[in-house]
Amino acid sequence: MVFDKAKRLMDALKENIEIKEEELKSIKQDSPGYARIFSELLESRRKFREGQKKHGEDIAKRQAAVIKEIRDEIAREIETVATSKELDLVLEKAVTAEIQRGTGFHWKIIHFAKPEYDITKEVTDRLNKRYKRPGVGGG
């Protein structure tokens, strides 16, 4: 998986940084070896920062995709229940949230309904039934 590969790369860079920092402690600052190892340390730190930035963006994009998938499934369930009850209208209020700069989601939630028109429990029950893990919970 791409994320496993990215994690291994970041772990290797972090370990390399730690090794170089330890090496510097045992070398005199005025020696040629110190300058070489110090240069390698700076390069490893630069690569680590780049990796954090790149993979952080990838994770944010993946989170946004997962949230969209969940949101779309809930919307389908709301539509299924509303159609089966022959409802003409389901009122929603839009909520927008930002996960990370430039990435976020726009979520519609049921804002208000009289109890006899509220389909939230039915939609939730349908989703819970679909995703119930075997051997967990009662009923």
N, C-alpha and C. Protein backbone atom coordinates (compact mmCIF):
# COMPACT_ATOMS: atom_id res chain seq x y z
N MET A 1 0.85 -1.18 0.00
CA MET A 1 0.00 0.00 0.00
C MET A 1 0.90 1.25 0.00
N VAL A 2 0.43 2.29 -0.66
CA VAL A 2 1.19 3.54 -0.80
C VAL A 2 1.53 4.13 0.57
N PHE A 3 0.58 4.10 1.50
CA PHE A 3 0.82 4.70 2.81
C PHE A 3 1.85 3.92 3.61
N ASP A 4 1.86 2.60 3.46
CA ASP A 4 2.88 1.80 4.14
C ASP A 4 4.27 2.13 3.61
N LYS A 5 4.38 2.31 2.30
CA LYS A 5 5.66 2.66 1.69
C LYS A 5 6.11 4.05 2.18
N ALA A 6 5.17 4.98 2.24
CA ALA A 6 5.50 6.33 2.71
C ALA A 6 5.94 6.29 4.17
N LYS A 7 5.27 5.49 4.98
CA LYS A 7 5.63 5.38 6.40
C LYS A 7 7.04 4.80 6.54
N ARG A 8 7.33 3.76 5.78
CA ARG A 8 8.67 3.16 5.84
C ARG A 8 9.74 4.19 5.44
N LEU A 9 9.47 4.97 4.40
CA LEU A 9 10.41 5.99 3.96
C LEU A 9 10.62 7.02 5.07
N MET A 10 9.54 7.50 5.67
CA MET A 10 9.64 8.51 6.73
C MET A 10 10.36 7.94 7.95
N ASP A 11 10.08 6.70 8.29
CA ASP A 11 10.76 6.06 9.43
C ASP A 11 12.26 5.94 9.16
N ALA A 12 12.62 5.58 7.93
CA ALA A 12 14.04 5.44 7.57
C ALA A 12 14.75 6.80 7.64
N LEU A 13 14.08 7.84 7.15
CA LEU A 13 14.68 9.18 7.22
C LEU A 13 14.85 9.62 8.67
N LYS A 14 13.85 9.36 9.48
CA LYS A 14 13.93 9.75 10.90
C LYS A 14 15.07 9.01 11.59
N GLU A 15 15.19 7.72 11.30
CA GLU A 15 16.28 6.93 11.90
C GLU A 15 17.64 7.45 11.43
N ASN A 16 17.75 7.81 10.16
CA ASN A 16 18.99 8.34 9.62
C ASN A 16 19.36 9.65 10.32
N ILE A 17 18.37 10.50 10.55
CA ILE A 17 18.62 11.76 11.26
C ILE A 17 19.16 11.49 12.66
N GLU A 18 18.53 10.55 13.36
CA GLU A 18 18.97 10.21 14.72
C GLU A 18 20.39 9.66 14.73
N ILE A 19 20.71 8.84 13.74
CA ILE A 19 22.06 8.27 13.65
C ILE A 19 23.09 9.37 13.40
N LYS A 20 22.79 10.26 12.46
CA LYS A 20 23.71 11.36 12.15
C LYS A 20 23.90 12.28 13.36
N GLU A 21 22.83 12.54 14.11
CA GLU A 21 22.95 13.38 15.30
C GLU A 21 23.85 12.72 16.34
N GLU A 22 23.73 11.42 16.49
CA GLU A 22 24.60 10.68 17.43
C GLU A 22 26.05 10.69 16.96
N GLU A 23 26.26 10.50 15.66
CA GLU A 23 27.61 10.52 15.12
C GLU A 23 28.29 11.86 15.39
N LEU A 24 27.55 12.93 15.22
CA LEU A 24 28.13 14.28 15.42
C LEU A 24 28.61 14.49 16.85
N LYS A 25 27.97 13.84 17.80
CA LYS A 25 28.36 14.00 19.21
C LYS A 25 29.76 13.45 19.49
N SER A 26 30.17 12.48 18.67
CA SER A 26 31.46 11.83 18.93
C SER A 26 32.58 12.33 18.01
N ILE A 27 32.32 13.36 17.23
CA ILE A 27 33.33 13.88 16.30
C ILE A 27 33.62 15.34 16.64
N LYS A 28 34.89 15.70 16.56
CA LYS A 28 35.28 17.09 16.82
C LYS A 28 34.73 17.98 15.71
N GLN A 29 34.25 19.16 16.11
CA GLN A 29 33.62 20.07 15.15
C GLN A 29 34.57 20.58 14.07
N ASP A 30 35.84 20.62 14.35
CA ASP A 30 36.79 21.14 13.36
C ASP A 30 37.33 20.05 12.43
N SER A 31 36.83 18.83 12.54
CA SER A 31 37.32 17.75 11.68
C SER A 31 36.55 17.72 10.35
N PRO A 32 37.18 17.20 9.29
CA PRO A 32 36.52 17.11 7.99
C PRO A 32 35.28 16.18 8.04
N GLY A 33 35.36 15.16 8.85
CA GLY A 33 34.23 14.23 8.98
C GLY A 33 32.99 14.90 9.55
N TYR A 34 33.21 15.83 10.45
CA TYR A 34 32.09 16.54 11.06
C TYR A 34 31.30 17.31 10.00
N ALA A 35 32.00 18.02 9.15
CA ALA A 35 31.34 18.82 8.11
C ALA A 35 30.54 17.92 7.17
N ARG A 36 31.14 16.77 6.81
CA ARG A 36 30.44 15.83 5.91
C ARG A 36 29.18 15.28 6.56
N ILE A 37 29.29 14.83 7.80
CA ILE A 37 28.13 14.25 8.49
C ILE A 37 27.07 15.32 8.76
N PHE A 38 27.53 16.52 9.11
CA PHE A 38 26.60 17.62 9.34
C PHE A 38 25.82 17.95 8.06
N SER A 39 26.48 17.94 6.95
CA SER A 39 25.85 18.18 5.65
C SER A 39 24.82 17.08 5.34
N GLU A 40 25.19 15.83 5.61
CA GLU A 40 24.26 14.71 5.40
C GLU A 40 23.04 14.84 6.31
N LEU A 41 23.27 15.28 7.54
CA LEU A 41 22.17 15.48 8.49
C LEU A 41 21.20 16.54 7.97
N LEU A 42 21.72 17.65 7.50
CA LEU A 42 20.87 18.72 6.97
C LEU A 42 20.05 18.22 5.77
N GLU A 43 20.68 17.44 4.91
CA GLU A 43 19.97 16.89 3.75
C GLU A 43 18.87 15.93 4.17
N SER A 44 19.14 15.09 5.16
CA SER A 44 18.12 14.16 5.66
C SER A 44 16.96 14.91 6.29
N ARG A 45 17.25 15.96 7.03
CA ARG A 45 16.19 16.78 7.62
C ARG A 45 15.33 17.43 6.54
N ARG A 46 15.98 17.91 5.48
CA ARG A 46 15.24 18.53 4.37
C ARG A 46 14.30 17.52 3.72
N LYS A 47 14.82 16.33 3.45
CA LYS A 47 14.00 15.28 2.84
C LYS A 47 12.85 14.89 3.76
N PHE A 48 13.10 14.86 5.07
CA PHE A 48 12.07 14.50 6.03
C PHE A 48 10.94 15.54 6.00
N ARG A 49 11.31 16.83 6.00
CA ARG A 49 10.29 17.90 5.94
C ARG A 49 9.48 17.81 4.65
N GLU A 50 10.15 17.56 3.54
CA GLU A 50 9.45 17.40 2.26
C GLU A 50 8.48 16.23 2.32
N GLY A 51 8.94 15.13 2.90
CA GLY A 51 8.08 13.95 3.04
C GLY A 51 6.87 14.22 3.90
N GLN A 52 7.07 14.94 5.00
CA GLN A 52 5.94 15.29 5.86
C GLN A 52 4.91 16.10 5.08
N LYS A 53 5.38 17.06 4.32
CA LYS A 53 4.47 17.91 3.56
C LYS A 53 3.73 17.09 2.50
N LYS A 54 4.46 16.32 1.73
CA LYS A 54 3.86 15.53 0.65
C LYS A 54 2.86 14.52 1.18
N HIS A 55 3.26 13.75 2.16
CA HIS A 55 2.39 12.68 2.65
C HIS A 55 1.25 13.23 3.50
N GLY A 56 1.46 14.37 4.14
CA GLY A 56 0.37 15.01 4.88
C GLY A 56 -0.76 15.40 3.95
N GLU A 57 -0.42 15.91 2.77
CA GLU A 57 -1.43 16.26 1.78
C GLU A 57 -2.15 15.02 1.27
N ASP A 58 -1.41 13.92 1.06
CA ASP A 58 -2.02 12.68 0.59
C ASP A 58 -3.03 12.15 1.61
N ILE A 59 -2.66 12.21 2.88
CA ILE A 59 -3.55 11.74 3.94
C ILE A 59 -4.81 12.59 3.98
N ALA A 60 -4.66 13.91 3.87
CA ALA A 60 -5.82 14.80 3.89
C ALA A 60 -6.75 14.50 2.72
N LYS A 61 -6.18 14.24 1.54
CA LYS A 61 -7.01 13.90 0.37
C LYS A 61 -7.74 12.59 0.59
N ARG A 62 -7.06 11.63 1.18
CA ARG A 62 -7.70 10.34 1.43
C ARG A 62 -8.82 10.49 2.45
N GLN A 63 -8.60 11.29 3.51
CA GLN A 63 -9.66 11.53 4.49
C GLN A 63 -10.87 12.17 3.83
N ALA A 64 -10.64 13.14 2.96
CA ALA A 64 -11.74 13.82 2.27
C ALA A 64 -12.51 12.83 1.41
N ALA A 65 -11.82 11.91 0.75
CA ALA A 65 -12.49 10.91 -0.09
C ALA A 65 -13.34 9.97 0.75
N VAL A 66 -12.81 9.55 1.91
CA VAL A 66 -13.57 8.66 2.79
C VAL A 66 -14.81 9.37 3.32
N ILE A 67 -14.66 10.62 3.73
CA ILE A 67 -15.80 11.39 4.23
C ILE A 67 -16.85 11.55 3.14
N LYS A 68 -16.42 11.81 1.92
CA LYS A 68 -17.36 11.95 0.80
C LYS A 68 -18.12 10.64 0.59
N GLU A 69 -17.42 9.52 0.65
CA GLU A 69 -18.05 8.21 0.46
C GLU A 69 -19.12 7.98 1.54
N ILE A 70 -18.79 8.27 2.79
CA ILE A 70 -19.75 8.11 3.89
C ILE A 70 -20.94 9.04 3.70
N ARG A 71 -20.64 10.29 3.37
CA ARG A 71 -21.69 11.29 3.17
C ARG A 71 -22.64 10.86 2.05
N ASP A 72 -22.09 10.36 0.94
CA ASP A 72 -22.91 9.91 -0.18
C ASP A 72 -23.79 8.73 0.22
N GLU A 73 -23.24 7.82 1.00
CA GLU A 73 -24.03 6.65 1.43
C GLU A 73 -25.19 7.08 2.33
N ILE A 74 -24.92 8.00 3.24
CA ILE A 74 -25.99 8.50 4.11
C ILE A 74 -27.06 9.19 3.28
N ALA A 75 -26.64 9.98 2.29
CA ALA A 75 -27.61 10.65 1.42
C ALA A 75 -28.48 9.64 0.67
N ARG A 76 -27.88 8.55 0.20
CA ARG A 76 -28.66 7.50 -0.47
C ARG A 76 -29.68 6.88 0.47
N GLU A 77 -29.27 6.63 1.72
CA GLU A 77 -30.19 6.05 2.70
C GLU A 77 -31.34 7.01 3.02
N ILE A 78 -31.02 8.30 3.14
CA ILE A 78 -32.08 9.29 3.38
C ILE A 78 -33.06 9.28 2.22
N GLU A 79 -32.54 9.23 1.01
CA GLU A 79 -33.42 9.20 -0.16
C GLU A 79 -34.27 7.93 -0.20
N THR A 80 -33.68 6.78 0.15
CA THR A 80 -34.42 5.52 0.16
C THR A 80 -35.57 5.57 1.16
N VAL A 81 -35.26 6.04 2.38
CA VAL A 81 -36.29 6.12 3.41
C VAL A 81 -37.35 7.15 3.02
N ALA A 82 -36.92 8.30 2.53
CA ALA A 82 -37.88 9.34 2.13
C ALA A 82 -38.79 8.86 1.01
N THR A 83 -38.24 8.12 0.05
CA THR A 83 -39.04 7.58 -1.04
C THR A 83 -40.02 6.55 -0.54
N SER A 84 -39.56 5.67 0.35
CA SER A 84 -40.45 4.62 0.87
C SER A 84 -41.59 5.20 1.70
N LYS A 85 -41.36 6.35 2.32
CA LYS A 85 -42.40 7.01 3.13
C LYS A 85 -43.19 8.02 2.30
N GLU A 86 -42.82 8.11 1.02
CA GLU A 86 -43.46 9.05 0.09
C GLU A 86 -43.41 10.48 0.61
N LEU A 87 -42.26 10.85 1.16
CA LEU A 87 -42.08 12.22 1.63
C LEU A 87 -41.79 13.13 0.43
N ASP A 88 -42.33 14.30 0.46
CA ASP A 88 -42.09 15.26 -0.61
C ASP A 88 -40.87 16.11 -0.33
N LEU A 89 -40.48 16.21 0.93
CA LEU A 89 -39.40 17.12 1.29
C LEU A 89 -38.71 16.63 2.55
N VAL A 90 -37.38 16.69 2.55
CA VAL A 90 -36.59 16.45 3.75
C VAL A 90 -35.75 17.70 3.93
N LEU A 91 -35.95 18.40 5.02
CA LEU A 91 -35.22 19.64 5.26
C LEU A 91 -33.83 19.33 5.78
N GLU A 92 -32.86 20.07 5.27
CA GLU A 92 -31.49 19.89 5.69
C GLU A 92 -30.84 21.25 5.89
N LYS A 93 -29.82 21.26 6.71
CA LYS A 93 -29.01 22.45 6.91
C LYS A 93 -27.59 22.08 6.51
N ALA A 94 -26.96 22.91 5.72
CA ALA A 94 -25.60 22.60 5.27
C ALA A 94 -24.58 23.02 6.31
N VAL A 95 -23.60 22.16 6.52
CA VAL A 95 -22.49 22.44 7.42
C VAL A 95 -21.21 22.24 6.61
N THR A 96 -20.30 23.19 6.70
CA THR A 96 -19.03 23.08 6.00
C THR A 96 -17.91 23.09 7.04
N ALA A 97 -16.96 22.18 6.87
CA ALA A 97 -15.83 22.11 7.80
C ALA A 97 -14.56 21.91 6.99
N GLU A 98 -13.49 22.48 7.49
CA GLU A 98 -12.19 22.33 6.84
C GLU A 98 -11.35 21.38 7.69
N ILE A 99 -10.85 20.31 7.06
CA ILE A 99 -10.00 19.34 7.76
C ILE A 99 -8.58 19.88 7.86
N GLN A 100 -8.07 20.31 6.75
CA GLN A 100 -6.73 20.86 6.65
C GLN A 100 -6.82 21.94 5.60
N ARG A 101 -5.94 22.89 5.64
CA ARG A 101 -6.01 24.01 4.71
C ARG A 101 -6.22 23.52 3.28
N GLY A 102 -7.33 23.94 2.69
CA GLY A 102 -7.63 23.58 1.31
C GLY A 102 -8.43 22.31 1.14
N THR A 103 -8.60 21.53 2.19
CA THR A 103 -9.40 20.32 2.09
C THR A 103 -10.44 20.32 3.19
N GLY A 104 -11.60 19.85 2.87
CA GLY A 104 -12.68 19.82 3.85
C GLY A 104 -13.88 19.12 3.26
N PHE A 105 -15.04 19.38 3.85
CA PHE A 105 -16.24 18.75 3.35
C PHE A 105 -17.45 19.64 3.57
N HIS A 106 -18.47 19.37 2.79
CA HIS A 106 -19.74 20.06 2.88
C HIS A 106 -20.76 18.99 3.23
N TRP A 107 -21.33 19.04 4.40
CA TRP A 107 -22.19 17.98 4.91
C TRP A 107 -23.59 18.53 5.12
N LYS A 108 -24.59 17.82 4.65
CA LYS A 108 -25.97 18.22 4.89
C LYS A 108 -26.51 17.34 6.00
N ILE A 109 -27.13 17.95 6.98
CA ILE A 109 -27.71 17.20 8.09
C ILE A 109 -29.17 17.58 8.23
N ILE A 110 -29.96 16.69 8.80
CA ILE A 110 -31.37 16.98 9.05
C ILE A 110 -31.42 18.03 10.15
N HIS A 111 -32.09 19.12 9.88
CA HIS A 111 -32.12 20.23 10.81
C HIS A 111 -33.27 20.12 11.79
N PHE A 112 -34.47 19.89 11.30
CA PHE A 112 -35.62 19.81 12.19
C PHE A 112 -36.74 19.05 11.48
N ALA A 113 -37.46 18.27 12.25
CA ALA A 113 -38.67 17.61 11.74
C ALA A 113 -39.53 17.23 12.93
N LYS A 114 -40.83 17.25 12.72
CA LYS A 114 -41.73 16.75 13.76
C LYS A 114 -41.38 15.28 13.97
N PRO A 115 -41.55 14.78 15.18
CA PRO A 115 -41.17 13.38 15.44
C PRO A 115 -41.79 12.40 14.45
N GLU A 116 -43.01 12.62 14.05
CA GLU A 116 -43.65 11.68 13.12
C GLU A 116 -43.05 11.75 11.71
N TYR A 117 -42.31 12.82 11.41
CA TYR A 117 -41.68 12.95 10.10
C TYR A 117 -40.18 12.70 10.15
N ASP A 118 -39.63 12.60 11.33
CA ASP A 118 -38.19 12.44 11.48
C ASP A 118 -37.78 11.02 11.08
N ILE A 119 -36.95 10.92 10.04
CA ILE A 119 -36.51 9.61 9.55
C ILE A 119 -35.09 9.27 10.00
N THR A 120 -34.52 10.10 10.87
CA THR A 120 -33.14 9.89 11.30
C THR A 120 -32.91 8.50 11.88
N LYS A 121 -33.80 8.06 12.78
CA LYS A 121 -33.63 6.75 13.41
C LYS A 121 -33.69 5.63 12.39
N GLU A 122 -34.61 5.72 11.46
CA GLU A 122 -34.72 4.68 10.44
C GLU A 122 -33.47 4.62 9.56
N VAL A 123 -32.96 5.77 9.16
CA VAL A 123 -31.74 5.81 8.35
C VAL A 123 -30.57 5.25 9.15
N THR A 124 -30.46 5.67 10.41
CA THR A 124 -29.38 5.19 11.27
C THR A 124 -29.49 3.68 11.48
N ASP A 125 -30.69 3.19 11.72
CA ASP A 125 -30.90 1.75 11.92
C ASP A 125 -30.47 0.96 10.67
N ARG A 126 -30.81 1.47 9.50
CA ARG A 126 -30.43 0.79 8.25
C ARG A 126 -28.91 0.74 8.11
N LEU A 127 -28.24 1.85 8.40
CA LEU A 127 -26.78 1.87 8.30
C LEU A 127 -26.14 0.97 9.35
N ASN A 128 -26.68 1.02 10.59
CA ASN A 128 -26.14 0.17 11.65
C ASN A 128 -26.31 -1.30 11.32
N LYS A 129 -27.45 -1.66 10.74
CA LYS A 129 -27.70 -3.05 10.37
C LYS A 129 -26.69 -3.50 9.30
N ARG A 130 -26.43 -2.63 8.34
CA ARG A 130 -25.51 -2.96 7.27
C ARG A 130 -24.10 -3.15 7.79
N TYR A 131 -23.68 -2.34 8.78
CA TYR A 131 -22.30 -2.37 9.24
C TYR A 131 -22.11 -3.05 10.59
N LYS A 132 -23.13 -3.73 11.08
CA LYS A 132 -23.01 -4.42 12.37
C LYS A 132 -21.96 -5.53 12.23
N ARG A 133 -21.03 -5.52 13.20
CA ARG A 133 -20.00 -6.56 13.20
C ARG A 133 -20.56 -7.81 13.86
N PRO A 134 -20.25 -8.99 13.31
CA PRO A 134 -20.72 -10.23 13.91
C PRO A 134 -20.25 -10.37 15.36
N GLY A 135 -21.17 -10.77 16.23
CA GLY A 135 -20.83 -11.01 17.63
C GLY A 135 -20.72 -9.78 18.48
N VAL A 136 -21.05 -8.60 17.95
CA VAL A 136 -20.97 -7.37 18.72
C VAL A 136 -22.37 -6.86 18.97
N GLY A 137 -22.64 -6.49 20.21
CA GLY A 137 -23.94 -5.90 20.55
C GLY A 137 -25.05 -6.92 20.59
N GLY A 138 -26.21 -6.46 20.98
CA GLY A 138 -27.36 -7.34 21.08
C GLY A 138 -28.37 -7.01 20.01
N GLY A 139 -29.44 -7.79 19.97
CA GLY A 139 -30.57 -7.50 19.10
C GLY A 139 -30.43 -7.98 17.77
